[in-house]
Amino acid sequence: MGKIYIFGHKNPDTDSIISSLVMADFEKKLGNNDVVSCRLGMLNKETEYVLNYVGVEAPELIEDLEDGQEVILVDTANPGELIPNLANVKIRKIVDHHQVLINTSYPLFYRAEPVGCTETIMYKLYKENNLKIDKKIATLMLSAIISDTLLLKSPTCTEDDKNAVKELSKIAELNYETYGLEMLKAGTDISSFTIDQILNLDAKFINLKEVKSIIAQVNTASIPEVMKMKSDLEAGMNKIIKENNLDLFMFLITDIINSNSQVIALGQKANIVEKAYGVKLENNTALLHGVVSRKKQVVPIMTENA
C-alpha cells in the first residue's frame, strides 16, 4: 500500500494543522505507518506557538497530489477548501465538525459531530479504540480545542468539548486557562504579516444563497490596534473583491478578551450585514456585540438575510 496523505482545509487554522498531526498518530497506533501529515497553507502565529511549545515539526506543505493518491481529510468536508484534483484522489476517511459538502461514489469512514473542534472527535476515537493519548498528543489536542472554542467561551462549545479539555488537561499536566490565554494571545500577533496575508489567514469562500462572499476572521486582544490598518485592509479587500468578482467581503476582527467582533464589510451586498445584525455600517464598519463564531453566529444569520 502506498502513502496516505492527511490534511485539512486551505488557510489552515490550529485545528486543521493539529488534526493532521493527531490523525497521523492515531493511524500509526492502529498499525498503519504509511501516513504523511500535510497542510495546504502557511501556519498562523497561534499554531506556530503550539508547535514550538510541544516541540513538533509542522506538517509537510503540499499544493496538489497525483491522481489516484489515497488521502484522509480532517477538519473539512468542503471540496472548495481542498486540493484542485480532489475528485481524482481516493478518500479513505473524513473526520470533521462542519457542514457536509462532499460526495463520493464509494463508501468510506466518515465521522462528523456538531462539536466545537475536530479534536474532540479525535479524543473519542482514541478512547473507542483503546489507544493511549500521550502527553505530547494531549497537549496538541487540548490546544486545538482551546483555539476553536476560544477557551470554551464560543457558542460552538459543547459539553463534549469541555469534557475533553478536562481529561486532556490532566494528561498534558497543564492549567488550560493559563496556557490557553497565552496561546490565544500569541495568535493575535500579526505585526509581521502583510495586508494580503492578514486577509487570507483565516478566509473562507462562502455562498450566502446567491451572494458570492468571503468571510475572513482574525483574533486580537485589541480591536483598535487592528483598526489602525483599516484603510490598508479596505484596499486589500477591494482588490480581492475585484479579482474574485465577489458580492461581499466581511472581515471580522474578533476580540478574544471581551468576545466581540468589529466587522469591516465591503461589496455591493454589504448592506446584508446591517439587516442581519440590526447595525448601521459607518465608514464600512460596525461592532457586533457577542459575535465570535463565524460558523454559528455569522454564516447562518447572513445566509438567512441574504
C-alpha atoms as a PDB file:
ATOM      1  CA  MET A   1       0.000   0.000   0.000  1.00  0.00           C
ATOM      2  CA  GLY A   2       1.289   3.499  -0.888  1.00  0.00           C
ATOM      3  CA  LYS A   3       1.401   6.573   1.269  1.00  0.00           C
ATOM      4  CA  ILE A   4      -1.794   8.078   2.644  1.00  0.00           C
ATOM      5  CA  TYR A   5      -1.731  11.862   2.889  1.00  0.00           C
ATOM      6  CA  ILE A   6      -3.622  13.543   5.735  1.00  0.00           C
ATOM      7  CA  PHE A   7      -4.644  17.195   5.522  1.00  0.00           C
ATOM      8  CA  GLY A   8      -7.304  19.751   6.345  1.00  0.00           C
ATOM      9  CA  HIS A   9      -8.502  22.924   4.672  1.00  0.00           C
ATOM     10  CA  LYS A  10      -6.629  25.740   2.935  1.00  0.00           C
ATOM     11  CA  ASN A  11      -5.698  28.762   5.072  1.00  0.00           C
ATOM     12  CA  PRO A  12      -5.259  26.262   7.921  1.00  0.00           C
ATOM     13  CA  ASP A  13      -6.068  27.199  11.496  1.00  0.00           C
ATOM     14  CA  THR A  14      -4.732  25.446  14.582  1.00  0.00           C
ATOM     15  CA  ASP A  15      -7.399  22.725  14.494  1.00  0.00           C
ATOM     16  CA  SER A  16      -6.657  21.906  10.855  1.00  0.00           C
ATOM     17  CA  ILE A  17      -2.900  21.575  11.416  1.00  0.00           C
ATOM     18  CA  ILE A  18      -3.190  19.659  14.669  1.00  0.00           C
ATOM     19  CA  SER A  19      -5.882  17.361  13.272  1.00  0.00           C
ATOM     20  CA  SER A  20      -3.439  16.313  10.553  1.00  0.00           C
ATOM     21  CA  LEU A  21      -0.737  15.551  13.132  1.00  0.00           C
ATOM     22  CA  VAL A  22      -3.066  13.785  15.554  1.00  0.00           C
ATOM     23  CA  MET A  23      -4.747  11.707  12.855  1.00  0.00           C
ATOM     24  CA  ALA A  24      -1.309  10.539  11.703  1.00  0.00           C
ATOM     25  CA  ASP A  25      -0.520   9.460  15.285  1.00  0.00           C
ATOM     26  CA  PHE A  26      -3.909   7.745  15.537  1.00  0.00           C
ATOM     27  CA  GLU A  27      -3.397   5.828  12.285  1.00  0.00           C
ATOM     28  CA  LYS A  28       0.088   4.703  13.322  1.00  0.00           C
ATOM     29  CA  LYS A  29      -1.236   3.431  16.637  1.00  0.00           C
ATOM     30  CA  LEU A  30      -3.807   1.437  14.658  1.00  0.00           C
ATOM     31  CA  GLY A  31      -0.888  -0.136  12.779  1.00  0.00           C
ATOM     32  CA  ASN A  32      -0.878   1.993   9.626  1.00  0.00           C
ATOM     33  CA  ASN A  33       2.586   3.544   9.330  1.00  0.00           C
ATOM     34  CA  ASP A  34       2.216   4.671   5.701  1.00  0.00           C
ATOM     35  CA  VAL A  35       0.689   8.050   6.571  1.00  0.00           C
ATOM     36  CA  VAL A  36       2.007  11.560   5.913  1.00  0.00           C
ATOM     37  CA  SER A  37       0.792  14.602   7.828  1.00  0.00           C
ATOM     38  CA  CYS A  38       0.293  17.534   5.429  1.00  0.00           C
ATOM     39  CA  ARG A  39      -1.018  21.096   5.219  1.00  0.00           C
ATOM     40  CA  LEU A  40      -2.401  23.274   2.429  1.00  0.00           C
ATOM     41  CA  GLY A  41      -1.098  26.653   3.554  1.00  0.00           C
ATOM     42  CA  MET A  42       1.055  28.746   5.861  1.00  0.00           C
ATOM     43  CA  LEU A  43       0.954  28.483   9.634  1.00  0.00           C
ATOM     44  CA  ASN A  44      -0.539  31.265  11.712  1.00  0.00           C
ATOM     45  CA  LYS A  45       1.191  32.628  14.823  1.00  0.00           C
ATOM     46  CA  GLU A  46      -1.027  30.678  17.198  1.00  0.00           C
ATOM     47  CA  THR A  47      -0.231  27.373  15.517  1.00  0.00           C
ATOM     48  CA  GLU A  48       3.477  28.212  15.491  1.00  0.00           C
ATOM     49  CA  TYR A  49       3.273  28.880  19.231  1.00  0.00           C
ATOM     50  CA  VAL A  50       1.680  25.476  19.854  1.00  0.00           C
ATOM     51  CA  LEU A  51       4.127  23.517  17.701  1.00  0.00           C
ATOM     52  CA  ASN A  52       7.106  25.290  19.283  1.00  0.00           C
ATOM     53  CA  TYR A  53       5.703  24.693  22.781  1.00  0.00           C
ATOM     54  CA  VAL A  54       5.242  20.980  22.142  1.00  0.00           C
ATOM     55  CA  GLY A  55       8.407  20.599  20.038  1.00  0.00           C
ATOM     56  CA  VAL A  56       6.730  19.212  16.935  1.00  0.00           C
ATOM     57  CA  GLU A  57       7.562  19.954  13.305  1.00  0.00           C
ATOM     58  CA  ALA A  58       4.868  21.378  11.057  1.00  0.00           C
ATOM     59  CA  PRO A  59       3.157  19.019   8.597  1.00  0.00           C
ATOM     60  CA  GLU A  60       4.522  18.863   5.058  1.00  0.00           C
ATOM     61  CA  LEU A  61       3.291  21.664   2.779  1.00  0.00           C
ATOM     62  CA  ILE A  62       1.595  20.426  -0.397  1.00  0.00           C
ATOM     63  CA  GLU A  63      -0.384  22.077  -3.203  1.00  0.00           C
ATOM     64  CA  ASP A  64      -1.685  19.057  -5.092  1.00  0.00           C
ATOM     65  CA  LEU A  65      -1.399  15.266  -5.339  1.00  0.00           C
ATOM     66  CA  GLU A  66      -1.239  12.736  -8.138  1.00  0.00           C
ATOM     67  CA  ASP A  67      -4.493  11.217  -9.350  1.00  0.00           C
ATOM     68  CA  GLY A  68      -5.348   8.019  -7.508  1.00  0.00           C
ATOM     69  CA  GLN A  69      -3.482   9.023  -4.348  1.00  0.00           C
ATOM     70  CA  GLU A  70      -5.136   7.942  -1.085  1.00  0.00           C
ATOM     71  CA  VAL A  71      -5.993  10.679   1.419  1.00  0.00           C
ATOM     72  CA  ILE A  72      -7.614  11.283   4.798  1.00  0.00           C
ATOM     73  CA  LEU A  73      -9.429  14.591   5.299  1.00  0.00           C
ATOM     74  CA  VAL A  74      -9.678  16.326   8.661  1.00  0.00           C
ATOM     75  CA  ASP A  75     -11.488  19.471   9.813  1.00  0.00           C
ATOM     76  CA  THR A  76     -13.276  19.947   6.496  1.00  0.00           C
ATOM     77  CA  ALA A  77     -15.712  18.247   4.157  1.00  0.00           C
ATOM     78  CA  ASN A  78     -15.798  21.109   1.674  1.00  0.00           C
ATOM     79  CA  PRO A  79     -14.230  20.478  -1.766  1.00  0.00           C
ATOM     80  CA  GLY A  80     -13.781  24.235  -2.241  1.00  0.00           C
ATOM     81  CA  GLU A  81     -11.289  24.268   0.636  1.00  0.00           C
ATOM     82  CA  LEU A  82      -9.166  21.402  -0.644  1.00  0.00           C
ATOM     83  CA  ILE A  83      -6.771  20.399  -3.438  1.00  0.00           C
ATOM     84  CA  PRO A  84      -7.799  21.107  -7.065  1.00  0.00           C
ATOM     85  CA  ASN A  85      -7.948  17.450  -8.148  1.00  0.00           C
ATOM     86  CA  LEU A  86      -9.882  16.181  -5.122  1.00  0.00           C
ATOM     87  CA  ALA A  87     -12.297  14.316  -7.399  1.00  0.00           C
ATOM     88  CA  ASN A  88      -9.401  12.197  -8.681  1.00  0.00           C
ATOM     89  CA  VAL A  89      -7.966  11.035  -5.362  1.00  0.00           C
ATOM     90  CA  LYS A  90      -9.244   8.241  -3.127  1.00  0.00           C
ATOM     91  CA  ILE A  91     -10.635   9.493   0.189  1.00  0.00           C
ATOM     92  CA  ARG A  92     -10.156   6.842   2.872  1.00  0.00           C
ATOM     93  CA  LYS A  93     -11.583   8.733   5.865  1.00  0.00           C
ATOM     94  CA  ILE A  94     -13.092  12.054   6.887  1.00  0.00           C
ATOM     95  CA  VAL A  95     -13.271  13.381  10.448  1.00  0.00           C
ATOM     96  CA  ASP A  96     -14.908  16.787  10.716  1.00  0.00           C
ATOM     97  CA  HIS A  97     -17.236  19.103  12.654  1.00  0.00           C
ATOM     98  CA  HIS A  98     -18.566  21.214   9.773  1.00  0.00           C
ATOM     99  CA  GLN A  99     -21.386  21.061   7.252  1.00  0.00           C
ATOM    100  CA  VAL A 100     -21.224  18.078   4.888  1.00  0.00           C
ATOM    101  CA  LEU A 101     -20.495  19.364   1.373  1.00  0.00           C
ATOM    102  CA  ILE A 102     -18.698  16.414  -0.172  1.00  0.00           C
ATOM    103  CA  ASN A 103     -19.946  13.480  -2.270  1.00  0.00           C
ATOM    104  CA  THR A 104     -18.173  10.282  -3.277  1.00  0.00           C
ATOM    105  CA  SER A 105     -19.145   7.357  -5.496  1.00  0.00           C
ATOM    106  CA  TYR A 106     -17.798   4.867  -2.928  1.00  0.00           C
ATOM    107  CA  PRO A 107     -18.224   4.170   0.792  1.00  0.00           C
ATOM    108  CA  LEU A 108     -15.703   5.476   3.281  1.00  0.00           C
ATOM    109  CA  PHE A 109     -15.207   6.031   7.003  1.00  0.00           C
ATOM    110  CA  TYR A 110     -16.981   9.281   7.843  1.00  0.00           C
ATOM    111  CA  ARG A 111     -17.218  10.757  11.339  1.00  0.00           C
ATOM    112  CA  ALA A 112     -18.819  14.165  11.816  1.00  0.00           C
ATOM    113  CA  GLU A 113     -20.255  15.591  15.015  1.00  0.00           C
ATOM    114  CA  PRO A 114     -21.666  19.020  15.951  1.00  0.00           C
ATOM    115  CA  VAL A 115     -18.915  19.834  18.431  1.00  0.00           C
ATOM    116  CA  GLY A 116     -16.602  22.809  18.751  1.00  0.00           C
ATOM    117  CA  CYS A 117     -13.448  21.152  17.453  1.00  0.00           C
ATOM    118  CA  THR A 118     -12.287  18.180  15.399  1.00  0.00           C
ATOM    119  CA  GLU A 119     -10.001  17.145  18.259  1.00  0.00           C
ATOM    120  CA  THR A 120     -12.998  16.474  20.474  1.00  0.00           C
ATOM    121  CA  ILE A 121     -13.995  13.803  17.965  1.00  0.00           C
ATOM    122  CA  MET A 122     -10.432  12.516  17.780  1.00  0.00           C
ATOM    123  CA  TYR A 123     -10.383  12.256  21.578  1.00  0.00           C
ATOM    124  CA  LYS A 124     -13.448   9.988  21.351  1.00  0.00           C
ATOM    125  CA  LEU A 125     -11.838   7.886  18.612  1.00  0.00           C
ATOM    126  CA  TYR A 126      -8.756   7.248  20.764  1.00  0.00           C
ATOM    127  CA  LYS A 127     -10.999   6.182  23.653  1.00  0.00           C
ATOM    128  CA  GLU A 128     -13.231   3.998  21.481  1.00  0.00           C
ATOM    129  CA  ASN A 129     -10.195   2.182  20.081  1.00  0.00           C
ATOM    130  CA  ASN A 130      -8.476   1.844  23.478  1.00  0.00           C
ATOM    131  CA  LEU A 131      -5.466   3.831  22.273  1.00  0.00           C
ATOM    132  CA  LYS A 132      -3.193   5.721  24.647  1.00  0.00           C
ATOM    133  CA  ILE A 133      -3.020   9.503  24.352  1.00  0.00           C
ATOM    134  CA  ASP A 134       0.492  10.564  25.365  1.00  0.00           C
ATOM    135  CA  LYS A 135       1.389  13.928  26.880  1.00  0.00           C
ATOM    136  CA  LYS A 136       2.550  15.487  23.614  1.00  0.00           C
ATOM    137  CA  ILE A 137      -0.559  14.455  21.678  1.00  0.00           C
ATOM    138  CA  ALA A 138      -2.783  15.530  24.576  1.00  0.00           C
ATOM    139  CA  THR A 139      -1.200  18.993  24.543  1.00  0.00           C
ATOM    140  CA  LEU A 140      -1.780  19.287  20.800  1.00  0.00           C
ATOM    141  CA  MET A 141      -5.404  18.190  21.091  1.00  0.00           C
ATOM    142  CA  LEU A 142      -6.025  20.485  24.044  1.00  0.00           C
ATOM    143  CA  SER A 143      -4.550  23.419  22.121  1.00  0.00           C
ATOM    144  CA  ALA A 144      -6.839  22.869  19.148  1.00  0.00           C
ATOM    145  CA  ILE A 145      -9.972  22.728  21.289  1.00  0.00           C
ATOM    146  CA  ILE A 146      -8.953  25.894  23.141  1.00  0.00           C
ATOM    147  CA  SER A 147      -8.371  27.579  19.787  1.00  0.00           C
ATOM    148  CA  ASP A 148     -11.640  26.578  18.131  1.00  0.00           C
ATOM    149  CA  THR A 149     -13.777  27.302  21.207  1.00  0.00           C
ATOM    150  CA  LEU A 150     -11.908  30.446  22.337  1.00  0.00           C
ATOM    151  CA  LEU A 151     -11.156  28.936  25.732  1.00  0.00           C
ATOM    152  CA  LEU A 152     -14.581  27.257  25.895  1.00  0.00           C
ATOM    153  CA  LYS A 153     -16.365  30.637  25.503  1.00  0.00           C
ATOM    154  CA  SER A 154     -17.531  30.272  21.905  1.00  0.00           C
ATOM    155  CA  PRO A 155     -21.187  29.335  21.237  1.00  0.00           C
ATOM    156  CA  THR A 156     -19.830  26.377  19.266  1.00  0.00           C
ATOM    157  CA  CYS A 157     -18.511  24.860  22.501  1.00  0.00           C
ATOM    158  CA  THR A 158     -20.349  21.773  23.757  1.00  0.00           C
ATOM    159  CA  GLU A 159     -20.236  19.614  26.876  1.00  0.00           C
ATOM    160  CA  ASP A 160     -18.202  17.106  24.886  1.00  0.00           C
ATOM    161  CA  ASP A 161     -15.561  19.775  24.250  1.00  0.00           C
ATOM    162  CA  LYS A 162     -15.485  20.701  27.942  1.00  0.00           C
ATOM    163  CA  ASN A 163     -15.133  17.071  28.993  1.00  0.00           C
ATOM    164  CA  ALA A 164     -12.313  16.524  26.512  1.00  0.00           C
ATOM    165  CA  VAL A 165     -10.475  19.610  27.788  1.00  0.00           C
ATOM    166  CA  LYS A 166     -10.820  18.400  31.375  1.00  0.00           C
ATOM    167  CA  GLU A 167      -9.321  14.986  30.606  1.00  0.00           C
ATOM    168  CA  LEU A 168      -6.656  16.221  28.179  1.00  0.00           C
ATOM    169  CA  SER A 169      -5.507  18.859  30.689  1.00  0.00           C
ATOM    170  CA  LYS A 170      -4.753  16.070  33.160  1.00  0.00           C
ATOM    171  CA  ILE A 171      -2.719  14.104  30.624  1.00  0.00           C
ATOM    172  CA  ALA A 172      -0.906  17.228  29.415  1.00  0.00           C
ATOM    173  CA  GLU A 173      -0.352  18.362  33.011  1.00  0.00           C
ATOM    174  CA  LEU A 174      -1.460  21.895  32.096  1.00  0.00           C
ATOM    175  CA  ASN A 175      -3.726  24.545  33.558  1.00  0.00           C
ATOM    176  CA  TYR A 176      -5.723  25.001  30.374  1.00  0.00           C
ATOM    177  CA  GLU A 177      -6.896  28.523  31.256  1.00  0.00           C
ATOM    178  CA  THR A 178      -3.389  29.887  31.872  1.00  0.00           C
ATOM    179  CA  TYR A 179      -1.842  28.057  28.928  1.00  0.00           C
ATOM    180  CA  GLY A 180      -4.816  28.785  26.670  1.00  0.00           C
ATOM    181  CA  LEU A 181      -4.800  32.527  27.244  1.00  0.00           C
ATOM    182  CA  GLU A 182      -1.083  32.726  26.443  1.00  0.00           C
ATOM    183  CA  MET A 183      -1.642  30.642  23.325  1.00  0.00           C
ATOM    184  CA  LEU A 184      -4.537  32.790  22.115  1.00  0.00           C
ATOM    185  CA  LYS A 185      -2.593  35.985  22.772  1.00  0.00           C
ATOM    186  CA  ALA A 186       0.337  34.618  20.768  1.00  0.00           C
ATOM    187  CA  GLY A 187      -2.041  34.108  17.881  1.00  0.00           C
ATOM    188  CA  THR A 188      -3.043  37.766  17.841  1.00  0.00           C
ATOM    189  CA  ASP A 189       0.411  38.980  16.792  1.00  0.00           C
ATOM    190  CA  ILE A 190       0.018  39.941  13.148  1.00  0.00           C
ATOM    191  CA  SER A 191       2.768  42.559  13.098  1.00  0.00           C
ATOM    192  CA  SER A 192       4.973  40.566  10.713  1.00  0.00           C
ATOM    193  CA  PHE A 193       2.223  39.833   8.186  1.00  0.00           C
ATOM    194  CA  THR A 194       1.406  41.787   5.034  1.00  0.00           C
ATOM    195  CA  ILE A 195      -2.139  43.067   4.499  1.00  0.00           C
ATOM    196  CA  ASP A 196      -2.766  40.299   1.962  1.00  0.00           C
ATOM    197  CA  GLN A 197      -1.562  37.679   4.441  1.00  0.00           C
ATOM    198  CA  ILE A 198      -3.784  39.092   7.210  1.00  0.00           C
ATOM    199  CA  LEU A 199      -6.828  38.975   4.947  1.00  0.00           C
ATOM    200  CA  ASN A 200      -6.068  35.364   3.989  1.00  0.00           C
ATOM    201  CA  LEU A 201      -5.002  33.957   7.376  1.00  0.00           C
ATOM    202  CA  ASP A 202      -8.470  32.559   8.022  1.00  0.00           C
ATOM    203  CA  ALA A 203     -10.617  33.338   4.992  1.00  0.00           C
ATOM    204  CA  LYS A 204     -13.399  31.174   3.607  1.00  0.00           C
ATOM    205  CA  PHE A 205     -15.268  31.440   0.304  1.00  0.00           C
ATOM    206  CA  ILE A 206     -18.940  31.100   1.204  1.00  0.00           C
ATOM    207  CA  ASN A 207     -22.025  31.396  -0.979  1.00  0.00           C
ATOM    208  CA  LEU A 208     -24.799  33.025   1.046  1.00  0.00           C
ATOM    209  CA  LYS A 209     -27.624  31.794  -1.166  1.00  0.00           C
ATOM    210  CA  GLU A 210     -26.766  33.715  -4.364  1.00  0.00           C
ATOM    211  CA  VAL A 211     -24.339  36.119  -2.681  1.00  0.00           C
ATOM    212  CA  LYS A 212     -20.737  35.257  -3.564  1.00  0.00           C
ATOM    213  CA  SER A 213     -18.760  36.055  -0.438  1.00  0.00           C
ATOM    214  CA  ILE A 214     -15.553  35.774   1.515  1.00  0.00           C
ATOM    215  CA  ILE A 215     -15.795  35.850   5.301  1.00  0.00           C
ATOM    216  CA  ALA A 216     -12.379  36.294   6.898  1.00  0.00           C
ATOM    217  CA  GLN A 217     -11.518  36.465  10.579  1.00  0.00           C
ATOM    218  CA  VAL A 218      -8.560  37.455  12.723  1.00  0.00           C
ATOM    219  CA  ASN A 219      -8.283  37.250  16.503  1.00  0.00           C
ATOM    220  CA  THR A 220      -6.922  40.115  18.566  1.00  0.00           C
ATOM    221  CA  ALA A 221      -6.527  41.334  22.123  1.00  0.00           C
ATOM    222  CA  SER A 222      -7.081  44.919  20.904  1.00  0.00           C
ATOM    223  CA  ILE A 223      -9.556  45.820  18.161  1.00  0.00           C
ATOM    224  CA  PRO A 224      -8.276  49.450  17.987  1.00  0.00           C
ATOM    225  CA  GLU A 225      -4.763  48.210  17.157  1.00  0.00           C
ATOM    226  CA  VAL A 226      -6.011  46.267  14.132  1.00  0.00           C
ATOM    227  CA  MET A 227      -8.337  49.093  13.102  1.00  0.00           C
ATOM    228  CA  LYS A 228      -5.285  51.336  12.673  1.00  0.00           C
ATOM    229  CA  MET A 229      -4.778  49.376   9.430  1.00  0.00           C
ATOM    230  CA  LYS A 230      -8.367  49.928   8.258  1.00  0.00           C
ATOM    231  CA  SER A 231      -7.581  51.891   5.096  1.00  0.00           C
ATOM    232  CA  ASP A 232      -4.960  49.352   4.005  1.00  0.00           C
ATOM    233  CA  LEU A 233      -7.279  46.460   4.862  1.00  0.00           C
ATOM    234  CA  GLU A 234     -10.060  48.011   2.783  1.00  0.00           C
ATOM    235  CA  ALA A 235      -7.724  48.487  -0.176  1.00  0.00           C
ATOM    236  CA  GLY A 236      -6.725  44.824   0.049  1.00  0.00           C
ATOM    237  CA  MET A 237     -10.342  43.719   0.406  1.00  0.00           C
ATOM    238  CA  ASN A 238     -11.403  45.722  -2.650  1.00  0.00           C
ATOM    239  CA  LYS A 239      -8.592  44.139  -4.647  1.00  0.00           C
ATOM    240  CA  ILE A 240      -9.774  40.647  -3.660  1.00  0.00           C
ATOM    241  CA  ILE A 241     -13.404  41.572  -4.412  1.00  0.00           C
ATOM    242  CA  LYS A 242     -12.417  42.645  -7.931  1.00  0.00           C
ATOM    243  CA  GLU A 243     -10.195  39.615  -8.582  1.00  0.00           C
ATOM    244  CA  ASN A 244     -12.873  37.154  -7.465  1.00  0.00           C
ATOM    245  CA  ASN A 245     -15.976  39.034  -8.626  1.00  0.00           C
ATOM    246  CA  LEU A 246     -17.377  38.988  -5.090  1.00  0.00           C
ATOM    247  CA  ASP A 247     -20.641  40.468  -3.867  1.00  0.00           C
ATOM    248  CA  LEU A 248     -19.404  40.746  -0.283  1.00  0.00           C
ATOM    249  CA  PHE A 249     -16.211  40.640   1.758  1.00  0.00           C
ATOM    250  CA  MET A 250     -16.665  40.501   5.529  1.00  0.00           C
ATOM    251  CA  PHE A 251     -13.560  40.905   7.669  1.00  0.00           C
ATOM    252  CA  LEU A 252     -14.150  40.072  11.328  1.00  0.00           C
ATOM    253  CA  ILE A 253     -11.725  41.410  13.942  1.00  0.00           C
ATOM    254  CA  THR A 254     -12.552  39.268  16.967  1.00  0.00           C
ATOM    255  CA  ASP A 255     -11.655  40.390  20.488  1.00  0.00           C
ATOM    256  CA  ILE A 256     -10.689  37.229  22.395  1.00  0.00           C
ATOM    257  CA  ILE A 257     -10.851  39.038  25.739  1.00  0.00           C
ATOM    258  CA  ASN A 258     -14.282  40.686  25.509  1.00  0.00           C
ATOM    259  CA  SER A 259     -15.914  38.306  22.990  1.00  0.00           C
ATOM    260  CA  ASN A 260     -16.985  40.882  20.395  1.00  0.00           C
ATOM    261  CA  SER A 261     -16.146  41.395  16.731  1.00  0.00           C
ATOM    262  CA  GLN A 262     -15.585  44.553  14.728  1.00  0.00           C
ATOM    263  CA  VAL A 263     -16.645  43.928  11.156  1.00  0.00           C
ATOM    264  CA  ILE A 264     -15.432  45.677   8.039  1.00  0.00           C
ATOM    265  CA  ALA A 265     -17.861  44.950   5.204  1.00  0.00           C
ATOM    266  CA  LEU A 266     -17.312  45.857   1.562  1.00  0.00           C
ATOM    267  CA  GLY A 267     -19.053  44.985  -1.699  1.00  0.00           C
ATOM    268  CA  GLN A 268     -22.382  45.635  -3.342  1.00  0.00           C
ATOM    269  CA  LYS A 269     -24.148  43.388  -0.801  1.00  0.00           C
ATOM    270  CA  ALA A 270     -22.548  44.871   2.341  1.00  0.00           C
ATOM    271  CA  ASN A 271     -25.990  46.077   3.440  1.00  0.00           C
ATOM    272  CA  ILE A 272     -26.849  42.467   4.351  1.00  0.00           C
ATOM    273  CA  VAL A 273     -24.671  42.937   7.444  1.00  0.00           C
ATOM    274  CA  GLU A 274     -26.902  45.802   8.583  1.00  0.00           C
ATOM    275  CA  LYS A 275     -30.047  43.762   8.006  1.00  0.00           C
ATOM    276  CA  ALA A 276     -28.672  40.647   9.700  1.00  0.00           C
ATOM    277  CA  TYR A 277     -27.376  42.305  12.869  1.00  0.00           C
ATOM    278  CA  GLY A 278     -29.525  45.413  13.175  1.00  0.00           C
ATOM    279  CA  VAL A 279     -26.498  47.682  12.975  1.00  0.00           C
ATOM    280  CA  LYS A 280     -25.509  50.682  10.880  1.00  0.00           C
ATOM    281  CA  LEU A 281     -22.264  50.457   8.947  1.00  0.00           C
ATOM    282  CA  GLU A 282     -20.399  53.710   9.456  1.00  0.00           C
ATOM    283  CA  ASN A 283     -17.409  54.054   7.151  1.00  0.00           C
ATOM    284  CA  ASN A 284     -17.946  50.372   6.273  1.00  0.00           C
ATOM    285  CA  THR A 285     -17.646  49.119   9.858  1.00  0.00           C
ATOM    286  CA  ALA A 286     -19.717  48.224  12.928  1.00  0.00           C
ATOM    287  CA  LEU A 287     -19.252  46.445  16.266  1.00  0.00           C
ATOM    288  CA  LEU A 288     -21.054  43.101  16.519  1.00  0.00           C
ATOM    289  CA  HIS A 289     -21.616  42.523  20.231  1.00  0.00           C
ATOM    290  CA  GLY A 290     -21.091  38.932  21.395  1.00  0.00           C
ATOM    291  CA  VAL A 291     -20.215  37.654  17.914  1.00  0.00           C
ATOM    292  CA  VAL A 292     -17.130  35.402  17.877  1.00  0.00           C
ATOM    293  CA  SER A 293     -18.089  32.314  15.861  1.00  0.00           C
ATOM    294  CA  ARG A 294     -18.187  32.503  12.072  1.00  0.00           C
ATOM    295  CA  LYS A 295     -19.771  29.052  11.889  1.00  0.00           C
ATOM    296  CA  LYS A 296     -22.646  29.678  14.313  1.00  0.00           C
ATOM    297  CA  GLN A 297     -23.043  33.443  14.538  1.00  0.00           C
ATOM    298  CA  VAL A 298     -22.167  34.671  11.058  1.00  0.00           C
ATOM    299  CA  VAL A 299     -22.757  32.197   8.243  1.00  0.00           C
ATOM    300  CA  PRO A 300     -26.283  31.094   9.349  1.00  0.00           C
ATOM    301  CA  ILE A 301     -27.626  34.582  10.067  1.00  0.00           C
ATOM    302  CA  MET A 302     -26.033  36.077   6.955  1.00  0.00           C
ATOM    303  CA  THR A 303     -27.471  33.271   4.811  1.00  0.00           C
ATOM    304  CA  GLU A 304     -30.915  33.818   6.334  1.00  0.00           C
ATOM    305  CA  ASN A 305     -30.797  37.516   5.481  1.00  0.00           C
ATOM    306  CA  ALA A 306     -29.124  37.274   2.065  1.00  0.00           C
END
